[in-house]
Amino acid sequence: MPRRIVVPGELVTSERKRIGKHVYLKDGSIFSDSVGLVSESDSTVSVIPLEGKYEAEINDVVVGVVMDEKISGYTVNLDSFYTSYISKKALRDPLKPSSVVSAKVMGINELKEIEIGNVRVLFGGEILEVSPVKVPRVIGKDGSMLEVLKGGTGCMLVVGRNGLIWVKGGNVKLLQGALGLIQREAHADNLTNKVSSFLSPKGAVKGTPVPGELG
């Protein structure tokens, strides 16, 4: 059954349920604070936004670009509202400005500043961008969509939860088309099959997995 799309201020449910993300309680009913899809269980209700900036969570894998070197570390652009930081203590080798890295979110302070670690430099390639709230659809259940994208385009991929995707090799234009399809139809059912059909006649060869990639 397709999930219901709601807009900010729209009633999600009048039932008594635990409040999840992007909903709020008013006059005994639960309303949405975002444009998104209703996610509901017997006990909990939340809304999955269809648009929005990245909201970091501990253990997220992210992709970013090193911006500046400080005395004790580096600032990294994660395309987020908030700054992110890598401590030099967490690194074996120094980083360079403009280096592309994958990393894990290790901590978030009260100012929403993000500390990242488990850093890996990604050499060559390029960065594509999707809406962070669409990343779960790009990855798919148990990595299913990611495998379809890799197999259908021949690209090596590292997908960050912040919406930045490092890509190397393969048919990048074809990948961009598939990512566009995912973003346009993220709310639709059978999306993996649609993307498979989109890619199947294109004749791409399988890519080589990248160590540490999601999925």
Protein backbone atom coordinates (compact mmCIF):
# COMPACT_ATOMS: atom_id res chain seq x y z
CA MET A 1 0.00 0.00 0.00
CA PRO A 2 1.50 3.40 -0.99
CA ARG A 3 2.52 5.66 1.87
CA ARG A 4 0.51 8.84 2.37
CA ILE A 5 2.20 12.16 1.55
CA VAL A 6 1.60 14.99 4.02
CA VAL A 7 2.55 18.67 4.19
CA PRO A 8 3.51 20.84 7.19
CA GLY A 9 0.60 21.30 9.57
CA GLU A 10 -1.41 18.42 8.11
CA LEU A 11 -3.05 15.93 10.48
CA VAL A 12 -1.16 12.65 10.51
CA THR A 13 -3.30 10.74 13.04
CA SER A 14 -5.69 11.32 15.92
CA GLU A 15 -4.72 8.00 17.51
CA ARG A 16 -2.57 7.91 20.64
CA LYS A 17 0.90 6.95 19.48
CA ARG A 18 4.52 7.60 20.35
CA ILE A 19 5.87 10.57 18.41
CA GLY A 20 8.77 9.96 16.03
CA LYS A 21 10.67 12.40 13.84
CA HIS A 22 9.11 15.36 12.02
CA VAL A 23 5.75 15.21 13.80
CA TYR A 24 4.35 17.13 16.77
CA LEU A 25 1.46 16.84 19.21
CA LYS A 26 -1.30 19.47 19.31
CA ASP A 27 -4.71 19.21 21.01
CA GLY A 28 -4.34 15.46 21.34
CA SER A 29 -3.60 14.85 17.64
CA ILE A 30 -0.34 14.38 15.75
CA PHE A 31 0.63 16.69 12.88
CA SER A 32 3.47 16.82 10.36
CA ASP A 33 6.18 19.49 10.40
CA SER A 34 7.51 18.55 6.93
CA VAL A 35 6.55 17.56 3.42
CA GLY A 36 7.05 13.80 3.51
CA LEU A 37 5.78 10.25 3.75
CA VAL A 38 3.91 8.95 6.79
CA SER A 39 5.68 6.05 8.51
CA GLU A 40 3.37 4.39 11.00
CA SER A 41 3.39 1.31 13.19
CA ASP A 42 1.00 0.09 15.87
CA SER A 43 2.77 2.22 18.49
CA THR A 44 4.76 4.96 16.69
CA VAL A 45 4.23 7.49 13.92
CA SER A 46 6.73 9.71 12.11
CA VAL A 47 7.19 11.49 8.79
CA ILE A 48 10.07 10.83 6.38
CA PRO A 49 10.86 14.19 4.72
CA LEU A 50 11.02 14.40 0.94
CA GLU A 51 13.26 17.48 1.08
CA GLY A 52 15.71 18.95 3.57
CA LYS A 53 19.32 19.46 4.61
CA TYR A 54 21.38 16.74 6.23
CA GLU A 55 20.71 16.07 9.92
CA ALA A 56 23.67 14.17 11.31
CA GLU A 57 23.33 11.09 13.50
CA ILE A 58 26.05 9.14 15.30
CA ASN A 59 27.62 6.39 13.12
CA ASP A 60 26.42 7.89 9.85
CA VAL A 61 28.85 7.32 6.98
CA VAL A 62 29.38 10.63 5.17
CA VAL A 63 31.33 11.95 2.19
CA GLY A 64 32.94 15.36 2.40
CA VAL A 65 35.60 17.71 1.06
CA VAL A 66 38.46 18.96 3.26
CA MET A 67 38.28 22.76 3.39
CA ASP A 68 40.84 24.16 5.84
CA GLU A 69 43.64 23.00 8.09
CA LYS A 70 43.61 24.19 11.70
CA ILE A 71 46.18 23.71 14.46
CA SER A 72 44.53 20.58 15.81
CA GLY A 73 42.53 19.32 12.82
CA TYR A 74 40.64 20.00 9.63
CA THR A 75 37.25 21.45 8.73
CA VAL A 76 35.25 19.41 6.23
CA ASN A 77 32.36 20.46 4.01
CA LEU A 78 29.52 17.94 4.35
CA ASP A 79 26.99 20.20 2.61
CA SER A 80 25.21 20.61 5.94
CA PHE A 81 24.01 23.63 7.90
CA TYR A 82 26.62 22.76 10.51
CA THR A 83 30.40 22.60 10.46
CA SER A 84 32.29 19.33 10.71
CA TYR A 85 35.72 18.63 12.07
CA ILE A 86 38.43 15.94 11.94
CA SER A 87 40.95 15.83 14.77
CA LYS A 88 44.57 15.26 13.71
CA LYS A 89 44.79 12.76 16.55
CA ALA A 90 42.40 10.51 14.61
CA LEU A 91 44.60 10.47 11.49
CA ARG A 92 47.65 8.50 10.45
CA ASP A 93 48.56 10.86 7.62
CA PRO A 94 47.90 14.57 7.06
CA LEU A 95 45.08 15.68 4.78
CA LYS A 96 45.12 18.29 2.05
CA PRO A 97 42.52 20.95 1.26
CA SER A 98 40.18 19.76 -1.54
CA SER A 99 40.75 16.09 -0.64
CA VAL A 100 37.58 13.99 -0.81
CA VAL A 101 37.07 11.73 2.20
CA SER A 102 34.59 9.22 3.53
CA ALA A 103 34.18 9.14 7.29
CA LYS A 104 31.91 8.21 10.17
CA VAL A 105 30.08 10.65 12.45
CA MET A 106 31.65 10.18 15.88
CA GLY A 107 29.99 12.95 17.87
CA ILE A 108 27.65 15.95 17.69
CA ASN A 109 27.92 18.73 20.27
CA GLU A 110 25.26 21.07 21.63
CA LEU A 111 26.00 23.55 18.81
CA LYS A 112 25.34 20.78 16.26
CA GLU A 113 29.01 20.77 15.25
CA ILE A 114 29.92 17.37 13.84
CA GLU A 115 33.08 15.45 14.73
CA ILE A 116 34.02 12.78 12.21
CA GLY A 117 36.54 9.94 12.31
CA ASN A 118 37.45 6.62 10.61
CA VAL A 119 38.62 8.77 7.72
CA ARG A 120 39.46 7.33 4.31
CA VAL A 121 40.75 9.45 1.43
CA LEU A 122 39.01 8.83 -1.92
CA PHE A 123 41.34 9.41 -4.84
CA GLY A 124 40.18 10.60 -8.26
CA GLY A 125 36.55 10.35 -9.30
CA GLU A 126 33.93 13.04 -8.83
CA ILE A 127 31.10 13.95 -6.47
CA LEU A 128 27.40 13.81 -7.30
CA GLU A 129 24.70 15.16 -5.03
CA VAL A 130 21.22 13.97 -4.05
CA SER A 131 18.83 15.21 -1.40
CA PRO A 132 19.96 13.70 1.94
CA VAL A 133 16.43 12.53 2.69
CA LYS A 134 16.51 10.44 -0.53
CA VAL A 135 19.71 8.60 0.45
CA PRO A 136 17.86 5.63 2.04
CA ARG A 137 16.17 5.08 -1.34
CA VAL A 138 19.54 5.32 -3.15
CA ILE A 139 20.90 2.60 -0.86
CA GLY A 140 17.73 0.48 -0.71
CA LYS A 141 16.80 -2.28 1.69
CA ASP A 142 19.95 -4.25 2.60
CA GLY A 143 21.82 -2.32 -0.11
CA SER A 144 19.59 -3.62 -2.91
CA MET A 145 19.30 -0.34 -4.85
CA LEU A 146 23.02 0.36 -4.50
CA GLU A 147 23.83 -3.03 -6.04
CA VAL A 148 21.51 -2.27 -8.96
CA LEU A 149 23.20 1.10 -9.52
CA LYS A 150 26.71 -0.38 -9.39
CA GLY A 151 25.87 -3.33 -11.62
CA GLY A 152 23.90 -1.29 -14.13
CA THR A 153 26.39 1.56 -14.57
CA GLY A 154 29.80 0.03 -13.86
CA CYS A 155 30.53 2.87 -11.42
CA MET A 156 32.38 2.55 -8.13
CA LEU A 157 30.31 4.31 -5.47
CA VAL A 158 30.57 5.56 -1.92
CA VAL A 159 27.23 6.98 -0.78
CA GLY A 160 27.23 9.42 2.13
CA ARG A 161 24.20 9.84 4.34
CA ASN A 162 24.68 13.57 3.82
CA GLY A 163 23.70 13.25 0.16
CA LEU A 164 27.16 13.44 -1.40
CA ILE A 165 28.14 10.45 -3.54
CA TRP A 166 31.71 9.75 -4.66
CA VAL A 167 31.77 8.17 -8.11
CA LYS A 168 34.66 6.74 -10.13
CA GLY A 169 34.68 4.95 -13.47
CA GLY A 170 31.75 3.48 -15.36
CA ASN A 171 28.93 5.37 -17.06
CA VAL A 172 28.48 8.45 -14.88
CA LYS A 173 25.84 10.03 -17.13
CA LEU A 174 23.75 6.88 -16.90
CA LEU A 175 24.16 6.93 -13.12
CA GLN A 176 23.00 10.55 -13.02
CA GLY A 177 19.88 9.57 -14.92
CA ALA A 178 19.15 6.75 -12.48
CA LEU A 179 19.70 9.02 -9.48
CA GLY A 180 17.33 11.55 -11.02
CA LEU A 181 14.70 8.85 -11.37
CA ILE A 182 15.16 7.84 -7.72
CA GLN A 183 14.81 11.43 -6.55
CA ARG A 184 11.67 12.07 -8.61
CA GLU A 185 9.96 8.84 -7.56
CA ALA A 186 11.34 8.28 -4.06
CA HIS A 187 7.77 8.01 -2.76
CA ALA A 188 6.77 5.30 -5.27
CA ASP A 189 6.53 1.54 -4.77
CA ASN A 190 8.65 -0.93 -6.80
CA LEU A 191 11.33 1.71 -7.30
CA THR A 192 14.18 -0.82 -7.48
CA ASN A 193 12.44 -2.58 -10.37
CA LYS A 194 11.91 0.74 -12.15
CA VAL A 195 15.58 1.62 -11.83
CA SER A 196 16.59 -1.86 -13.01
CA SER A 197 14.40 -1.42 -16.09
CA PHE A 198 15.89 2.01 -16.71
CA LEU A 199 19.43 0.62 -16.60
CA SER A 200 18.99 -2.81 -18.19
CA PRO A 201 18.96 -1.84 -21.89
CA LYS A 202 21.94 0.47 -21.50
CA GLY A 203 24.56 -2.29 -21.56
CA ALA A 204 26.80 -1.14 -18.71
CA VAL A 205 29.32 -3.55 -17.25
CA LYS A 206 29.67 -4.36 -13.58
CA GLY A 207 31.92 -2.14 -11.46
CA THR A 208 34.51 -3.08 -8.89
CA PRO A 209 33.38 -2.64 -5.27
CA VAL A 210 35.19 -0.03 -3.21
CA PRO A 211 36.26 -1.12 0.30
CA GLY A 212 34.18 0.62 2.93
CA GLU A 213 31.31 1.59 0.65
CA LEU A 214 27.76 1.48 1.94
CA GLY A 215 25.78 -1.60 0.99
